[in-house]
N, C-alpha and C. Protein backbone atom coordinates (compact mmCIF):
# COMPACT_ATOMS: atom_id res chain seq x y z
N MET A 1 66.89 217.45 20.49
CA MET A 1 65.66 217.03 20.78
C MET A 1 64.84 216.17 19.67
N LYS A 2 65.33 216.60 18.44
CA LYS A 2 64.88 215.90 17.28
C LYS A 2 65.56 214.55 17.04
N SER A 3 66.92 214.39 17.28
CA SER A 3 67.52 213.06 17.22
C SER A 3 67.07 212.33 18.19
N ASN A 4 66.44 212.77 19.60
CA ASN A 4 65.87 211.84 20.49
C ASN A 4 64.79 211.25 19.84
N ARG A 5 63.76 211.96 19.31
CA ARG A 5 62.47 211.42 18.71
C ARG A 5 62.85 210.46 17.71
N ILE A 6 63.82 210.86 16.83
CA ILE A 6 64.17 209.66 15.69
C ILE A 6 64.64 208.55 16.38
N PHE A 7 65.28 208.55 17.41
CA PHE A 7 65.97 207.39 18.28
C PHE A 7 64.97 206.48 18.80
N ILE A 8 64.00 207.27 19.40
CA ILE A 8 62.92 206.55 19.98
C ILE A 8 61.87 205.90 19.11
N LEU A 9 61.85 206.44 17.85
CA LEU A 9 61.05 206.02 16.83
C LEU A 9 61.81 204.72 16.07
N MET A 10 63.06 204.77 15.98
CA MET A 10 63.63 203.65 15.52
C MET A 10 63.58 202.51 16.41
N ILE A 11 63.64 202.57 17.64
CA ILE A 11 63.74 201.68 18.94
C ILE A 11 62.12 201.04 18.72
N PHE A 12 61.27 201.89 18.71
CA PHE A 12 59.74 201.26 18.47
C PHE A 12 59.59 200.48 17.23
N LEU A 13 60.18 200.90 16.09
CA LEU A 13 60.02 200.22 14.84
C LEU A 13 60.79 199.00 14.86
N LEU A 14 62.02 199.04 15.64
CA LEU A 14 62.73 197.85 15.57
C LEU A 14 61.90 196.62 16.70
N LEU A 15 61.51 197.31 17.56
CA LEU A 15 60.58 196.33 18.42
C LEU A 15 59.47 195.91 17.89
N PHE A 16 58.82 196.42 16.92
CA PHE A 16 57.64 196.10 16.32
C PHE A 16 57.71 195.06 15.27
N LEU A 17 58.79 195.21 14.35
CA LEU A 17 59.15 194.26 13.51
C LEU A 17 59.84 192.99 14.13
N SER A 18 60.31 193.20 15.41
CA SER A 18 61.08 191.92 15.87
C SER A 18 60.09 190.88 16.33
N PHE A 19 58.90 191.25 16.36
CA PHE A 19 57.85 190.15 16.59
C PHE A 19 57.48 189.16 15.60
N GLY A 20 57.76 189.74 14.41
CA GLY A 20 57.69 188.66 13.47
C GLY A 20 56.33 188.87 12.79
N LYS A 21 55.64 187.99 12.12
CA LYS A 21 54.32 188.24 11.30
C LYS A 21 53.34 188.15 12.52
N VAL A 22 52.34 189.20 11.99
CA VAL A 22 51.35 189.45 12.90
C VAL A 22 50.13 188.55 12.40
N GLN A 23 49.45 187.87 13.16
CA GLN A 23 48.14 187.11 12.79
C GLN A 23 46.98 187.76 13.15
N ILE A 24 46.09 187.67 12.29
CA ILE A 24 44.86 188.50 12.54
C ILE A 24 43.73 187.48 12.93
N LEU A 25 43.44 187.46 14.11
CA LEU A 25 42.29 186.61 14.76
C LEU A 25 40.86 186.76 14.28
N HIS A 26 40.19 185.99 14.03
CA HIS A 26 38.75 186.01 13.52
C HIS A 26 37.98 185.36 14.83
N ALA A 27 36.90 185.96 15.08
CA ALA A 27 35.89 185.62 16.08
C ALA A 27 34.98 184.58 15.52
N TYR A 28 34.88 184.20 14.39
CA TYR A 28 34.10 183.11 13.73
C TYR A 28 34.55 182.56 12.45
N THR A 29 34.30 181.39 11.92
CA THR A 29 34.49 180.88 10.56
C THR A 29 33.23 181.18 9.67
N GLU A 30 33.83 181.85 8.74
CA GLU A 30 32.62 182.19 7.63
C GLU A 30 32.04 180.73 6.84
N ILE A 31 30.81 180.51 6.86
CA ILE A 31 30.37 179.15 6.12
C ILE A 31 29.15 179.90 5.19
N PRO A 32 29.03 178.98 4.04
CA PRO A 32 28.10 179.42 3.27
C PRO A 32 26.58 179.22 3.90
N VAL A 33 25.65 180.23 3.75
CA VAL A 33 24.37 180.04 4.24
C VAL A 33 23.07 179.81 3.30
N GLU A 34 22.34 178.80 3.47
CA GLU A 34 21.25 178.49 2.49
C GLU A 34 19.99 179.10 3.09
N ASN A 35 19.10 179.55 2.26
CA ASN A 35 17.81 180.08 2.92
C ASN A 35 17.94 181.18 4.19
N GLY A 36 19.03 182.00 3.99
CA GLY A 36 19.38 183.01 5.17
C GLY A 36 18.28 184.13 5.11
N GLY A 37 18.51 184.94 5.87
CA GLY A 37 17.59 185.94 6.10
C GLY A 37 18.14 187.18 6.55
N GLU A 38 17.41 188.23 6.66
CA GLU A 38 17.90 189.49 7.19
C GLU A 38 17.10 189.75 8.32
N LEU A 39 17.75 190.78 9.27
CA LEU A 39 17.15 190.98 10.66
C LEU A 39 17.27 192.49 10.46
N SER A 40 15.90 193.25 10.79
CA SER A 40 15.96 194.89 10.80
C SER A 40 14.96 195.07 11.82
N GLY A 41 15.05 196.32 12.15
CA GLY A 41 13.87 196.85 13.12
C GLY A 41 14.34 197.82 14.09
N THR A 42 13.78 198.42 15.08
CA THR A 42 13.79 199.31 15.92
C THR A 42 13.74 199.01 17.27
N ILE A 43 15.20 199.30 17.90
CA ILE A 43 15.03 198.94 19.47
C ILE A 43 14.76 200.38 20.26
N THR A 44 13.86 199.97 21.07
CA THR A 44 13.38 201.23 21.65
C THR A 44 13.20 201.20 23.40
N PHE A 45 13.08 202.12 24.05
CA PHE A 45 13.09 202.05 25.49
C PHE A 45 11.65 202.10 25.82
N LYS A 46 10.93 201.21 26.62
CA LYS A 46 9.66 201.47 27.40
C LYS A 46 10.04 202.45 28.56
N GLY A 47 8.95 203.47 28.73
CA GLY A 47 9.26 204.02 29.92
C GLY A 47 10.38 205.15 29.53
N GLU A 48 10.85 205.85 30.59
CA GLU A 48 11.77 206.77 30.63
C GLU A 48 13.38 205.99 30.45
N PRO A 49 14.06 206.55 29.40
CA PRO A 49 15.38 205.75 29.29
C PRO A 49 16.42 206.54 30.35
N PRO A 50 17.31 205.90 30.65
CA PRO A 50 18.26 206.36 31.63
C PRO A 50 19.21 207.37 30.85
N VAL A 51 19.51 208.16 31.98
CA VAL A 51 20.24 209.39 31.48
C VAL A 51 21.81 209.14 31.62
N ASN A 52 22.49 209.51 30.35
CA ASN A 52 24.01 209.27 30.17
C ASN A 52 24.73 209.94 31.30
N PRO A 53 25.48 209.47 31.98
CA PRO A 53 26.14 210.04 33.03
C PRO A 53 27.41 211.02 32.53
N PRO A 54 27.66 212.11 33.22
CA PRO A 54 28.91 212.92 32.73
C PRO A 54 30.12 212.14 32.95
N ALA A 55 31.00 212.60 32.17
CA ALA A 55 32.55 211.94 32.37
C ALA A 55 33.41 213.29 32.61
N LYS A 56 34.40 212.92 33.63
CA LYS A 56 35.17 214.02 33.72
C LYS A 56 36.30 214.17 32.63
N VAL A 57 36.36 215.34 32.22
CA VAL A 57 37.25 215.87 31.14
C VAL A 57 38.94 215.96 31.84
N ILE A 58 39.87 215.09 31.05
CA ILE A 58 41.05 215.05 31.81
C ILE A 58 42.02 216.03 30.89
N PHE A 59 41.75 215.59 29.43
CA PHE A 59 42.55 216.66 28.68
C PHE A 59 41.98 217.71 28.03
N ASN A 60 42.47 218.88 27.92
CA ASN A 60 42.08 220.13 27.37
C ASN A 60 40.60 220.50 28.03
N PRO A 61 40.39 220.55 29.23
CA PRO A 61 39.23 221.04 29.97
C PRO A 61 39.26 222.59 29.41
N GLU A 62 40.10 223.25 29.20
CA GLU A 62 39.91 224.66 28.65
C GLU A 62 39.03 224.81 27.40
N TYR A 63 39.30 223.67 26.54
CA TYR A 63 38.47 223.52 25.42
C TYR A 63 37.13 222.79 25.48
N CYS A 64 37.21 221.65 26.31
CA CYS A 64 35.92 220.76 26.49
C CYS A 64 34.96 221.20 27.69
N GLY A 65 35.52 221.98 28.55
CA GLY A 65 34.82 222.24 29.87
C GLY A 65 35.22 221.14 30.68
N ASN A 66 34.72 221.05 31.91
CA ASN A 66 35.30 220.22 32.98
C ASN A 66 34.41 218.59 32.89
N SER A 67 33.35 218.74 32.24
CA SER A 67 32.63 217.37 32.11
C SER A 67 32.13 217.27 30.74
N VAL A 68 31.78 216.05 30.14
CA VAL A 68 31.16 215.85 28.81
C VAL A 68 30.09 214.55 29.05
N TYR A 69 29.15 214.65 28.40
CA TYR A 69 28.10 213.49 28.57
C TYR A 69 28.58 212.21 27.87
N GLU A 70 28.87 211.10 28.56
CA GLU A 70 29.18 209.77 27.89
C GLU A 70 27.96 209.57 26.75
N GLU A 71 28.37 208.60 25.81
CA GLU A 71 27.35 208.29 24.78
C GLU A 71 27.13 206.91 25.08
N THR A 72 26.50 206.56 26.05
CA THR A 72 26.22 205.23 26.68
C THR A 72 25.06 204.95 25.72
N TYR A 73 24.02 205.69 25.69
CA TYR A 73 22.78 205.65 25.29
C TYR A 73 22.87 206.92 24.16
N VAL A 74 22.47 206.43 23.01
CA VAL A 74 22.44 207.23 21.90
C VAL A 74 21.23 207.15 21.47
N MET A 75 20.33 208.04 21.57
CA MET A 75 18.83 207.94 21.33
C MET A 75 18.21 208.90 20.46
N ASN A 76 17.20 208.62 19.65
CA ASN A 76 16.37 209.51 18.97
C ASN A 76 15.27 209.91 19.78
N PRO A 77 15.26 211.28 20.24
CA PRO A 77 14.32 211.63 21.23
C PRO A 77 12.62 211.45 20.76
N GLN A 78 12.66 211.55 19.53
CA GLN A 78 11.12 211.41 18.91
C GLN A 78 10.46 209.87 19.13
N ASN A 79 11.21 208.98 18.92
CA ASN A 79 10.62 207.60 18.87
C ASN A 79 11.31 206.88 20.34
N LYS A 80 12.42 207.13 20.99
CA LYS A 80 13.13 206.55 21.99
C LYS A 80 13.72 205.38 21.45
N GLY A 81 14.09 205.60 20.04
CA GLY A 81 14.89 204.41 19.33
C GLY A 81 16.52 204.70 19.60
N LEU A 82 17.10 203.66 20.10
CA LEU A 82 18.67 203.45 20.32
C LEU A 82 19.27 203.48 19.04
N GLU A 83 20.57 204.30 18.78
CA GLU A 83 21.47 204.14 17.75
C GLU A 83 22.79 203.33 18.40
N LYS A 84 23.38 202.63 17.35
CA LYS A 84 24.58 201.84 17.79
C LYS A 84 24.43 200.69 18.63
N VAL A 85 23.41 199.63 18.07
CA VAL A 85 23.08 198.80 18.94
C VAL A 85 23.58 197.50 18.28
N VAL A 86 24.11 196.67 19.06
CA VAL A 86 24.52 195.35 18.46
C VAL A 86 23.59 194.36 19.05
N ILE A 87 23.14 193.24 18.16
CA ILE A 87 22.23 192.24 18.56
C ILE A 87 22.78 190.86 18.38
N SER A 88 22.95 190.14 19.35
CA SER A 88 23.64 188.83 19.11
C SER A 88 22.51 187.76 19.19
N ILE A 89 22.79 186.81 18.35
CA ILE A 89 21.70 185.85 18.06
C ILE A 89 22.60 184.63 18.38
N CYS A 90 22.36 183.65 19.41
CA CYS A 90 23.24 182.61 19.70
C CYS A 90 22.41 181.34 19.41
N SER A 91 23.00 180.37 18.88
CA SER A 91 22.36 179.04 18.25
C SER A 91 22.76 177.88 19.46
N ASN A 92 21.83 177.52 20.09
CA ASN A 92 21.85 176.15 20.85
C ASN A 92 20.78 175.17 20.66
N ASP A 93 21.23 173.99 20.46
CA ASP A 93 20.18 172.98 20.18
C ASP A 93 19.05 172.85 20.83
N GLN A 94 19.13 173.24 22.42
CA GLN A 94 18.11 172.92 23.27
C GLN A 94 16.92 174.02 23.01
N PHE A 95 17.36 175.18 22.36
CA PHE A 95 16.39 176.19 22.14
C PHE A 95 15.86 176.27 20.86
N MET A 96 16.31 175.46 19.92
CA MET A 96 15.92 175.51 18.48
C MET A 96 14.61 174.69 18.36
N ILE A 97 13.68 175.50 17.61
CA ILE A 97 12.43 174.65 17.24
C ILE A 97 12.66 173.70 16.07
N PRO A 98 12.37 172.52 15.99
CA PRO A 98 12.50 171.70 15.21
C PRO A 98 11.62 171.81 14.11
N ARG A 99 12.21 171.71 12.69
CA ARG A 99 11.46 171.90 11.48
C ARG A 99 10.75 170.62 11.34
N LYS A 100 9.40 170.92 10.65
CA LYS A 100 8.39 169.89 10.22
C LYS A 100 8.81 169.34 9.03
């Protein structure tokens, strides 16, 4: 049994190394920014926030139970502020305000 694990590990390692150099892809190119700024704030819900749906537990239900609640919306109950929020700011010439 142990020799089978070593054999499988060796095959996996050989396949991994046979692909050669791994390139890391970047989503954007960094450029120097002059007169840059900082964005901060709180994202909150107006009205009642949606309820996180339950997810069926597939592995270890004896430990986790039959379902757990997904963390689609992680929220502070006092101010309805969301956690783990990503804000994307897109640049498009037709929406930019010309500087005077």
